[in-house]
Amino acid sequence: MFRTLLKCAIALVVLSVIVTAYAQQQTPAAAALAASASSTQSAPPAVAAQAASDADAARPLKSQLPVPHELSPWSMFLSADILVKIVMSGLALASLVTWTILLAKTFELSVAQRKLKGALKTIGNVRSLAEAQFALGQSRGVLSSLLDAAMHEARLSAGISGMGLLATIGSTSPFVGLFGTVWGIMNSFIGISKAQTTNLAVVAPGIAEALLATAIGLAAAIPAVIIYNHFARGTRTYLELVARASGASARLLSRDLDRGSAGVFARAAE
């Protein structure tokens, strides 16, 4: 596309040069006419007057009227300097490229949106990734690529407990320990009621068991929370690295496109 636009620009420049050369060829005729007029003025007064009267009689009435300077865009372009013509031609070409890109990208984006909306409507009632892939069939698009990546990740993560287990342990262990504490204190009060005494030797075992349950619950919850936060930070760091890798890939792709290395892409794909 860039080569085609460059050819159009060269054609416009050549056309402007030809028009300028044609205008310069008309200049000698105008100079000759001016010389004739000056020679007529340099003649004796009687001869000049006679020639002027004869010319006025022979000249049509319409030609004696003053010819106004035409201010149409094309005439102004033709009468402009060669550099100004090149500038105007380049700007016209840039405007043509702009509107061409607008039409092409509008059509491309509308087609992509229509395909994606159709794919989303197709999988609107499915209940699993496998059903979604089966519903889409062999159609390729953004949604199909996302489903393939999700299915691949699901296969890799099969049998791995993952971060959810750590989050569950960290959030539920304190409450489980608290349940043991409440149960132990309840047994202690039951022992007090049976022994009919408030002796510390009777109450101490149940309270100690309750505190032990609380301690075990905290011992299970605290490391789980710390490890979960550690992996959460690691995951965020990994996502940042992925974003940096994506930016680096896009930057390299932009450089290759600026160099016009379409042949390199074709060889790499092979």
C-alpha atoms as a PDB file:
ATOM      1  CA  MET A   1       0.000   0.000   0.000  1.00  0.00           C
ATOM      2  CA  PHE A   2       2.866   2.379   0.858  1.00  0.00           C
ATOM      3  CA  ARG A   3       4.496   1.766  -2.519  1.00  0.00           C
ATOM      4  CA  THR A   4       1.226   2.537  -4.298  1.00  0.00           C
ATOM      5  CA  LEU A   5       0.843   5.807  -2.394  1.00  0.00           C
ATOM      6  CA  LEU A   6       4.457   6.716  -3.209  1.00  0.00           C
ATOM      7  CA  LYS A   7       3.788   6.109  -6.898  1.00  0.00           C
ATOM      8  CA  CYS A   8       0.704   8.357  -6.696  1.00  0.00           C
ATOM      9  CA  ALA A   9       2.772  11.112  -5.080  1.00  0.00           C
ATOM     10  CA  ILE A  10       5.446  10.857  -7.796  1.00  0.00           C
ATOM     11  CA  ALA A  11       2.735  11.008 -10.463  1.00  0.00           C
ATOM     12  CA  LEU A  12       1.276  14.161  -8.907  1.00  0.00           C
ATOM     13  CA  VAL A  13       4.699  15.807  -8.793  1.00  0.00           C
ATOM     14  CA  VAL A  14       5.372  14.922 -12.460  1.00  0.00           C
ATOM     15  CA  LEU A  15       1.963  16.300 -13.419  1.00  0.00           C
ATOM     16  CA  SER A  16       2.662  19.559 -11.616  1.00  0.00           C
ATOM     17  CA  VAL A  17       6.037  19.867 -13.398  1.00  0.00           C
ATOM     18  CA  ILE A  18       4.374  19.303 -16.789  1.00  0.00           C
ATOM     19  CA  VAL A  19       1.735  21.938 -16.059  1.00  0.00           C
ATOM     20  CA  THR A  20       4.430  24.400 -14.996  1.00  0.00           C
ATOM     21  CA  ALA A  21       6.428  23.755 -18.174  1.00  0.00           C
ATOM     22  CA  TYR A  22       3.324  24.311 -20.261  1.00  0.00           C
ATOM     23  CA  ALA A  23       2.675  27.621 -18.492  1.00  0.00           C
ATOM     24  CA  GLN A  24       6.256  28.686 -19.142  1.00  0.00           C
ATOM     25  CA  GLN A  25       5.851  27.881 -22.856  1.00  0.00           C
ATOM     26  CA  GLN A  26       2.933  30.306 -23.021  1.00  0.00           C
ATOM     27  CA  THR A  27       5.085  33.077 -21.607  1.00  0.00           C
ATOM     28  CA  PRO A  28       7.005  33.822 -24.899  1.00  0.00           C
ATOM     29  CA  ALA A  29       3.727  34.398 -26.731  1.00  0.00           C
ATOM     30  CA  ALA A  30       2.656  36.895 -24.096  1.00  0.00           C
ATOM     31  CA  ALA A  31       6.077  38.579 -24.347  1.00  0.00           C
ATOM     32  CA  ALA A  32       5.749  38.841 -28.106  1.00  0.00           C
ATOM     33  CA  LEU A  33       2.342  40.438 -27.706  1.00  0.00           C
ATOM     34  CA  ALA A  34       3.781  42.923 -25.251  1.00  0.00           C
ATOM     35  CA  ALA A  35       6.658  43.702 -27.640  1.00  0.00           C
ATOM     36  CA  SER A  36       4.180  44.312 -30.431  1.00  0.00           C
ATOM     37  CA  ALA A  37       2.269  46.688 -28.223  1.00  0.00           C
ATOM     38  CA  SER A  38       5.459  48.523 -27.265  1.00  0.00           C
ATOM     39  CA  SER A  39       6.520  48.819 -30.924  1.00  0.00           C
ATOM     40  CA  THR A  40       3.153  50.249 -31.738  1.00  0.00           C
ATOM     41  CA  GLN A  41       3.559  52.811 -28.986  1.00  0.00           C
ATOM     42  CA  SER A  42       7.065  53.747 -30.262  1.00  0.00           C
ATOM     43  CA  ALA A  43       5.746  54.500 -33.793  1.00  0.00           C
ATOM     44  CA  PRO A  44       4.936  58.067 -34.889  1.00  0.00           C
ATOM     45  CA  PRO A  45       1.797  59.476 -33.291  1.00  0.00           C
ATOM     46  CA  ALA A  46      -0.257  59.514 -36.491  1.00  0.00           C
ATOM     47  CA  VAL A  47       0.653  55.947 -37.417  1.00  0.00           C
ATOM     48  CA  ALA A  48       0.139  54.745 -33.862  1.00  0.00           C
ATOM     49  CA  ALA A  49      -3.253  56.389 -33.655  1.00  0.00           C
ATOM     50  CA  GLN A  50      -4.300  54.901 -36.985  1.00  0.00           C
ATOM     51  CA  ALA A  51      -3.115  51.450 -35.938  1.00  0.00           C
ATOM     52  CA  ALA A  52      -4.861  51.730 -32.595  1.00  0.00           C
ATOM     53  CA  SER A  53      -8.107  52.786 -34.212  1.00  0.00           C
ATOM     54  CA  ASP A  54      -7.892  49.952 -36.719  1.00  0.00           C
ATOM     55  CA  ALA A  55      -7.199  47.474 -33.952  1.00  0.00           C
ATOM     56  CA  ASP A  56     -10.090  48.796 -31.879  1.00  0.00           C
ATOM     57  CA  ALA A  57     -12.399  48.513 -34.829  1.00  0.00           C
ATOM     58  CA  ALA A  58     -11.278  44.987 -35.623  1.00  0.00           C
ATOM     59  CA  ARG A  59     -11.346  43.784 -32.009  1.00  0.00           C
ATOM     60  CA  PRO A  60     -14.712  42.405 -30.797  1.00  0.00           C
ATOM     61  CA  LEU A  61     -16.499  44.287 -28.080  1.00  0.00           C
ATOM     62  CA  LYS A  62     -16.221  41.353 -25.697  1.00  0.00           C
ATOM     63  CA  SER A  63     -12.432  41.261 -25.929  1.00  0.00           C
ATOM     64  CA  GLN A  64     -12.243  44.930 -24.940  1.00  0.00           C
ATOM     65  CA  LEU A  65     -13.750  44.188 -21.541  1.00  0.00           C
ATOM     66  CA  PRO A  66     -11.299  43.613 -18.659  1.00  0.00           C
ATOM     67  CA  VAL A  67     -10.747  39.912 -18.002  1.00  0.00           C
ATOM     68  CA  PRO A  68     -11.050  39.217 -14.255  1.00  0.00           C
ATOM     69  CA  HIS A  69      -8.478  36.974 -12.582  1.00  0.00           C
ATOM     70  CA  GLU A  70     -10.038  33.534 -11.984  1.00  0.00           C
ATOM     71  CA  LEU A  71      -9.879  32.435  -8.330  1.00  0.00           C
ATOM     72  CA  SER A  72     -10.972  28.831  -8.641  1.00  0.00           C
ATOM     73  CA  PRO A  73      -8.919  26.242  -6.736  1.00  0.00           C
ATOM     74  CA  TRP A  74      -7.585  24.654  -9.903  1.00  0.00           C
ATOM     75  CA  SER A  75      -6.490  27.977 -11.438  1.00  0.00           C
ATOM     76  CA  MET A  76      -4.800  28.979  -8.197  1.00  0.00           C
ATOM     77  CA  PHE A  77      -3.024  25.630  -8.173  1.00  0.00           C
ATOM     78  CA  LEU A  78      -1.829  26.113 -11.746  1.00  0.00           C
ATOM     79  CA  SER A  79      -0.569  29.622 -11.068  1.00  0.00           C
ATOM     80  CA  ALA A  80       1.282  28.611  -7.887  1.00  0.00           C
ATOM     81  CA  ASP A  81       5.017  28.124  -7.590  1.00  0.00           C
ATOM     82  CA  ILE A  82       6.464  24.660  -8.152  1.00  0.00           C
ATOM     83  CA  LEU A  83       7.322  24.247  -4.459  1.00  0.00           C
ATOM     84  CA  VAL A  84       3.810  25.263  -3.433  1.00  0.00           C
ATOM     85  CA  LYS A  85       2.411  22.780  -5.941  1.00  0.00           C
ATOM     86  CA  ILE A  86       4.507  20.001  -4.424  1.00  0.00           C
ATOM     87  CA  VAL A  87       3.291  20.948  -0.946  1.00  0.00           C
ATOM     88  CA  MET A  88      -0.355  21.042  -2.004  1.00  0.00           C
ATOM     89  CA  SER A  89       0.000  17.738  -3.852  1.00  0.00           C
ATOM     90  CA  GLY A  90       1.533  16.096  -0.770  1.00  0.00           C
ATOM     91  CA  LEU A  91      -1.234  17.424   1.448  1.00  0.00           C
ATOM     92  CA  ALA A  92      -3.893  16.197  -0.959  1.00  0.00           C
ATOM     93  CA  LEU A  93      -2.236  12.784  -0.982  1.00  0.00           C
ATOM     94  CA  ALA A  94      -2.099  12.779   2.835  1.00  0.00           C
ATOM     95  CA  SER A  95      -5.801  13.608   2.982  1.00  0.00           C
ATOM     96  CA  LEU A  96      -6.548  10.779   0.556  1.00  0.00           C
ATOM     97  CA  VAL A  97      -4.539   8.355   2.694  1.00  0.00           C
ATOM     98  CA  THR A  98      -6.375   9.524   5.836  1.00  0.00           C
ATOM     99  CA  TRP A  99      -9.821   8.899   4.392  1.00  0.00           C
ATOM    100  CA  THR A 100      -8.693   5.582   2.927  1.00  0.00           C
ATOM    101  CA  ILE A 101      -7.465   4.414   6.344  1.00  0.00           C
ATOM    102  CA  LEU A 102     -10.724   5.586   7.916  1.00  0.00           C
ATOM    103  CA  LEU A 103     -12.827   3.541   5.529  1.00  0.00           C
ATOM    104  CA  ALA A 104     -10.590   0.467   5.693  1.00  0.00           C
ATOM    105  CA  LYS A 105     -10.283   0.391   9.491  1.00  0.00           C
ATOM    106  CA  THR A 106     -13.990   1.105   9.974  1.00  0.00           C
ATOM    107  CA  PHE A 107     -14.852  -1.865   7.798  1.00  0.00           C
ATOM    108  CA  GLU A 108     -12.264  -4.086   9.509  1.00  0.00           C
ATOM    109  CA  LEU A 109     -13.436  -3.139  13.005  1.00  0.00           C
ATOM    110  CA  SER A 110     -17.101  -3.613  12.142  1.00  0.00           C
ATOM    111  CA  VAL A 111     -16.401  -7.088  10.757  1.00  0.00           C
ATOM    112  CA  ALA A 112     -14.402  -8.057  13.873  1.00  0.00           C
ATOM    113  CA  GLN A 113     -17.137  -6.798  16.199  1.00  0.00           C
ATOM    114  CA  ARG A 114     -19.827  -8.638  14.269  1.00  0.00           C
ATOM    115  CA  LYS A 115     -17.875 -11.898  14.420  1.00  0.00           C
ATOM    116  CA  LEU A 116     -17.199 -11.566  18.146  1.00  0.00           C
ATOM    117  CA  LYS A 117     -20.822 -10.719  18.931  1.00  0.00           C
ATOM    118  CA  GLY A 118     -21.930 -13.769  16.955  1.00  0.00           C
ATOM    119  CA  ALA A 119     -19.461 -15.993  18.834  1.00  0.00           C
ATOM    120  CA  LEU A 120     -20.629 -14.651  22.208  1.00  0.00           C
ATOM    121  CA  LYS A 121     -24.233 -15.300  21.227  1.00  0.00           C
ATOM    122  CA  THR A 122     -23.300 -18.844  20.208  1.00  0.00           C
ATOM    123  CA  ILE A 123     -21.806 -19.729  23.614  1.00  0.00           C
ATOM    124  CA  GLY A 124     -24.396 -17.816  25.616  1.00  0.00           C
ATOM    125  CA  ASN A 125     -26.093 -20.964  26.944  1.00  0.00           C
ATOM    126  CA  VAL A 126     -23.151 -23.357  27.297  1.00  0.00           C
ATOM    127  CA  ARG A 127     -21.994 -24.612  30.704  1.00  0.00           C
ATOM    128  CA  SER A 128     -18.333 -25.558  30.174  1.00  0.00           C
ATOM    129  CA  LEU A 129     -15.256 -24.798  28.130  1.00  0.00           C
ATOM    130  CA  ALA A 130     -15.596 -28.049  26.205  1.00  0.00           C
ATOM    131  CA  GLU A 131     -19.177 -27.243  25.206  1.00  0.00           C
ATOM    132  CA  ALA A 132     -18.116 -23.740  24.166  1.00  0.00           C
ATOM    133  CA  GLN A 133     -15.345 -25.093  21.935  1.00  0.00           C
ATOM    134  CA  PHE A 134     -17.742 -27.620  20.420  1.00  0.00           C
ATOM    135  CA  ALA A 135     -20.326 -24.888  19.793  1.00  0.00           C
ATOM    136  CA  LEU A 136     -17.820 -22.670  18.012  1.00  0.00           C
ATOM    137  CA  GLY A 137     -16.532 -25.533  15.896  1.00  0.00           C
ATOM    138  CA  GLN A 138     -13.763 -24.715  13.446  1.00  0.00           C
ATOM    139  CA  SER A 139     -14.368 -20.972  13.468  1.00  0.00           C
ATOM    140  CA  ARG A 140     -11.279 -19.025  14.421  1.00  0.00           C
ATOM    141  CA  GLY A 141     -11.300 -15.722  16.237  1.00  0.00           C
ATOM    142  CA  VAL A 142     -10.479 -13.928  19.457  1.00  0.00           C
ATOM    143  CA  LEU A 143     -12.961 -15.945  21.516  1.00  0.00           C
ATOM    144  CA  SER A 144     -11.709 -19.257  20.120  1.00  0.00           C
ATOM    145  CA  SER A 145      -8.127 -18.321  21.009  1.00  0.00           C
ATOM    146  CA  LEU A 146      -9.169 -17.379  24.533  1.00  0.00           C
ATOM    147  CA  LEU A 147     -11.046 -20.639  24.995  1.00  0.00           C
ATOM    148  CA  ASP A 148      -8.072 -22.636  23.704  1.00  0.00           C
ATOM    149  CA  ALA A 149      -5.742 -20.857  26.135  1.00  0.00           C
ATOM    150  CA  ALA A 150      -8.166 -21.427  29.020  1.00  0.00           C
ATOM    151  CA  MET A 151      -8.503 -25.121  28.161  1.00  0.00           C
ATOM    152  CA  HIS A 152      -4.717 -25.484  27.938  1.00  0.00           C
ATOM    153  CA  GLU A 153      -4.298 -23.860  31.348  1.00  0.00           C
ATOM    154  CA  ALA A 154      -6.994 -26.119  32.795  1.00  0.00           C
ATOM    155  CA  ARG A 155      -5.122 -29.188  31.549  1.00  0.00           C
ATOM    156  CA  LEU A 156      -1.856 -27.933  33.027  1.00  0.00           C
ATOM    157  CA  SER A 157      -3.500 -27.132  36.360  1.00  0.00           C
ATOM    158  CA  ALA A 158      -5.250 -30.486  36.692  1.00  0.00           C
ATOM    159  CA  GLY A 159      -4.443 -32.125  40.035  1.00  0.00           C
ATOM    160  CA  ILE A 160      -2.847 -28.973  41.490  1.00  0.00           C
ATOM    161  CA  SER A 161      -4.512 -27.568  44.604  1.00  0.00           C
ATOM    162  CA  GLY A 162      -3.335 -24.074  43.814  1.00  0.00           C
ATOM    163  CA  MET A 163      -3.667 -20.811  45.683  1.00  0.00           C
ATOM    164  CA  GLY A 164      -7.276 -21.446  46.674  1.00  0.00           C
ATOM    165  CA  LEU A 165      -6.276 -23.980  49.314  1.00  0.00           C
ATOM    166  CA  LEU A 166      -3.917 -21.525  50.988  1.00  0.00           C
ATOM    167  CA  ALA A 167      -6.611 -18.877  51.020  1.00  0.00           C
ATOM    168  CA  THR A 168      -9.089 -21.340  52.524  1.00  0.00           C
ATOM    169  CA  ILE A 169      -6.672 -22.414  55.270  1.00  0.00           C
ATOM    170  CA  GLY A 170      -5.716 -18.851  56.125  1.00  0.00           C
ATOM    171  CA  SER A 171      -9.304 -17.680  56.389  1.00  0.00           C
ATOM    172  CA  THR A 172     -10.906 -20.667  58.172  1.00  0.00           C
ATOM    173  CA  SER A 173      -8.214 -21.893  60.583  1.00  0.00           C
ATOM    174  CA  PRO A 174      -8.761 -19.153  63.211  1.00  0.00           C
ATOM    175  CA  PHE A 175     -12.469 -19.911  63.305  1.00  0.00           C
ATOM    176  CA  VAL A 176     -11.808 -23.646  63.632  1.00  0.00           C
ATOM    177  CA  GLY A 177      -9.441 -22.908  66.542  1.00  0.00           C
ATOM    178  CA  LEU A 178     -12.063 -20.669  68.098  1.00  0.00           C
ATOM    179  CA  PHE A 179     -14.564 -23.518  67.864  1.00  0.00           C
ATOM    180  CA  GLY A 180     -12.116 -25.736  69.758  1.00  0.00           C
ATOM    181  CA  THR A 181     -11.662 -23.001  72.354  1.00  0.00           C
ATOM    182  CA  VAL A 182     -15.383 -22.641  72.897  1.00  0.00           C
ATOM    183  CA  TRP A 183     -15.779 -26.408  73.122  1.00  0.00           C
ATOM    184  CA  GLY A 184     -12.979 -26.745  75.706  1.00  0.00           C
ATOM    185  CA  ILE A 185     -14.350 -23.936  77.882  1.00  0.00           C
ATOM    186  CA  MET A 186     -17.780 -25.522  77.692  1.00  0.00           C
ATOM    187  CA  ASN A 187     -16.332 -28.830  78.939  1.00  0.00           C
ATOM    188  CA  SER A 188     -14.584 -26.957  81.752  1.00  0.00           C
ATOM    189  CA  PHE A 189     -17.847 -25.463  82.984  1.00  0.00           C
ATOM    190  CA  ILE A 190     -19.493 -28.856  82.732  1.00  0.00           C
ATOM    191  CA  GLY A 191     -16.685 -30.298  84.910  1.00  0.00           C
ATOM    192  CA  ILE A 192     -17.170 -27.505  87.442  1.00  0.00           C
ATOM    193  CA  SER A 193     -20.878 -28.259  87.667  1.00  0.00           C
ATOM    194  CA  LYS A 194     -20.245 -31.973  88.149  1.00  0.00           C
ATOM    195  CA  ALA A 195     -17.531 -31.539  90.795  1.00  0.00           C
ATOM    196  CA  GLN A 196     -19.510 -28.893  92.664  1.00  0.00           C
ATOM    197  CA  THR A 197     -16.293 -26.936  93.196  1.00  0.00           C
ATOM    198  CA  THR A 198     -14.386 -24.043  91.681  1.00  0.00           C
ATOM    199  CA  ASN A 199     -11.004 -25.545  92.332  1.00  0.00           C
ATOM    200  CA  LEU A 200      -8.475 -24.537  89.676  1.00  0.00           C
ATOM    201  CA  ALA A 201      -7.330 -28.129  89.310  1.00  0.00           C
ATOM    202  CA  VAL A 202     -10.762 -29.033  88.007  1.00  0.00           C
ATOM    203  CA  VAL A 203     -11.070 -26.077  85.551  1.00  0.00           C
ATOM    204  CA  ALA A 204      -7.486 -25.894  84.309  1.00  0.00           C
ATOM    205  CA  PRO A 205      -7.397 -28.975  82.001  1.00  0.00           C
ATOM    206  CA  GLY A 206     -10.418 -27.884  79.935  1.00  0.00           C
ATOM    207  CA  ILE A 207      -9.188 -24.300  79.614  1.00  0.00           C
ATOM    208  CA  ALA A 208      -5.731 -25.526  78.632  1.00  0.00           C
ATOM    209  CA  GLU A 209      -7.224 -27.718  75.913  1.00  0.00           C
ATOM    210  CA  ALA A 210      -9.251 -24.760  74.621  1.00  0.00           C
ATOM    211  CA  LEU A 211      -6.196 -22.515  74.468  1.00  0.00           C
ATOM    212  CA  LEU A 212      -4.245 -25.276  72.718  1.00  0.00           C
ATOM    213  CA  ALA A 213      -6.919 -25.509  70.029  1.00  0.00           C
ATOM    214  CA  THR A 214      -6.753 -21.747  69.532  1.00  0.00           C
ATOM    215  CA  ALA A 215      -2.948 -21.866  69.300  1.00  0.00           C
ATOM    216  CA  ILE A 216      -3.070 -24.660  66.715  1.00  0.00           C
ATOM    217  CA  GLY A 217      -5.636 -22.734  64.687  1.00  0.00           C
ATOM    218  CA  LEU A 218      -3.427 -19.648  64.691  1.00  0.00           C
ATOM    219  CA  ALA A 219      -0.376 -21.758  63.853  1.00  0.00           C
ATOM    220  CA  ALA A 220      -2.212 -23.079  60.788  1.00  0.00           C
ATOM    221  CA  ALA A 221      -3.688 -19.737  59.729  1.00  0.00           C
ATOM    222  CA  ILE A 222      -0.692 -17.410  60.072  1.00  0.00           C
ATOM    223  CA  PRO A 223       1.697 -19.317  57.763  1.00  0.00           C
ATOM    224  CA  ALA A 224      -1.090 -19.894  55.250  1.00  0.00           C
ATOM    225  CA  VAL A 225      -1.843 -16.163  55.084  1.00  0.00           C
ATOM    226  CA  ILE A 226       1.848 -15.261  54.807  1.00  0.00           C
ATOM    227  CA  ILE A 227       2.464 -17.825  52.065  1.00  0.00           C
ATOM    228  CA  TYR A 228      -0.680 -16.730  50.227  1.00  0.00           C
ATOM    229  CA  ASN A 229       0.444 -13.095  50.268  1.00  0.00           C
ATOM    230  CA  HIS A 230       3.901 -14.138  49.141  1.00  0.00           C
ATOM    231  CA  PHE A 231       2.558 -15.983  46.128  1.00  0.00           C
ATOM    232  CA  ALA A 232       0.099 -13.170  45.412  1.00  0.00           C
ATOM    233  CA  ARG A 233       3.014 -10.730  45.199  1.00  0.00           C
ATOM    234  CA  GLY A 234       4.909 -13.209  43.051  1.00  0.00           C
ATOM    235  CA  THR A 235       1.925 -13.514  40.743  1.00  0.00           C
ATOM    236  CA  ARG A 236       1.651  -9.746  40.406  1.00  0.00           C
ATOM    237  CA  THR A 237       5.356  -9.565  39.628  1.00  0.00           C
ATOM    238  CA  TYR A 238       4.943 -12.257  36.994  1.00  0.00           C
ATOM    239  CA  LEU A 239       2.032 -10.377  35.443  1.00  0.00           C
ATOM    240  CA  GLU A 240       4.152  -7.235  35.308  1.00  0.00           C
ATOM    241  CA  LEU A 241       6.890  -9.216  33.566  1.00  0.00           C
ATOM    242  CA  VAL A 242       4.307 -10.553  31.104  1.00  0.00           C
ATOM    243  CA  ALA A 243       3.186  -6.994  30.421  1.00  0.00           C
ATOM    244  CA  ARG A 244       6.796  -5.939  29.881  1.00  0.00           C
ATOM    245  CA  ALA A 245       7.356  -8.899  27.566  1.00  0.00           C
ATOM    246  CA  SER A 246       4.240  -7.945  25.628  1.00  0.00           C
ATOM    247  CA  GLY A 247       5.456  -4.362  25.336  1.00  0.00           C
ATOM    248  CA  ALA A 248       8.891  -5.527  24.190  1.00  0.00           C
ATOM    249  CA  SER A 249       7.310  -7.788  21.565  1.00  0.00           C
ATOM    250  CA  ALA A 250       5.107  -4.950  20.328  1.00  0.00           C
ATOM    251  CA  ARG A 251       8.112  -2.616  20.197  1.00  0.00           C
ATOM    252  CA  LEU A 252      10.144  -5.094  18.140  1.00  0.00           C
ATOM    253  CA  LEU A 253       7.174  -5.708  15.852  1.00  0.00           C
ATOM    254  CA  SER A 254       6.826  -1.955  15.310  1.00  0.00           C
ATOM    255  CA  ARG A 255      10.503  -1.676  14.417  1.00  0.00           C
ATOM    256  CA  ASP A 256      10.248  -4.562  11.951  1.00  0.00           C
ATOM    257  CA  LEU A 257       7.186  -3.011  10.351  1.00  0.00           C
ATOM    258  CA  ASP A 258       8.968   0.331  10.051  1.00  0.00           C
ATOM    259  CA  ARG A 259      11.850  -1.413   8.298  1.00  0.00           C
ATOM    260  CA  GLY A 260       9.388  -3.095   5.929  1.00  0.00           C
ATOM    261  CA  SER A 261      10.595  -6.603   6.733  1.00  0.00           C
ATOM    262  CA  ALA A 262       7.595  -8.489   5.427  1.00  0.00           C
ATOM    263  CA  GLY A 263       9.874 -11.093   3.896  1.00  0.00           C
ATOM    264  CA  VAL A 264      11.414 -11.804   7.299  1.00  0.00           C
ATOM    265  CA  PHE A 265       7.965 -12.571   8.720  1.00  0.00           C
ATOM    266  CA  ALA A 266       7.203 -14.925   5.838  1.00  0.00           C
ATOM    267  CA  ARG A 267      10.463 -16.849   6.321  1.00  0.00           C
ATOM    268  CA  ALA A 268       9.923 -17.009  10.090  1.00  0.00           C
ATOM    269  CA  ALA A 269       6.416 -18.392   9.604  1.00  0.00           C
ATOM    270  CA  GLU A 270       7.753 -21.098   7.313  1.00  0.00           C
END
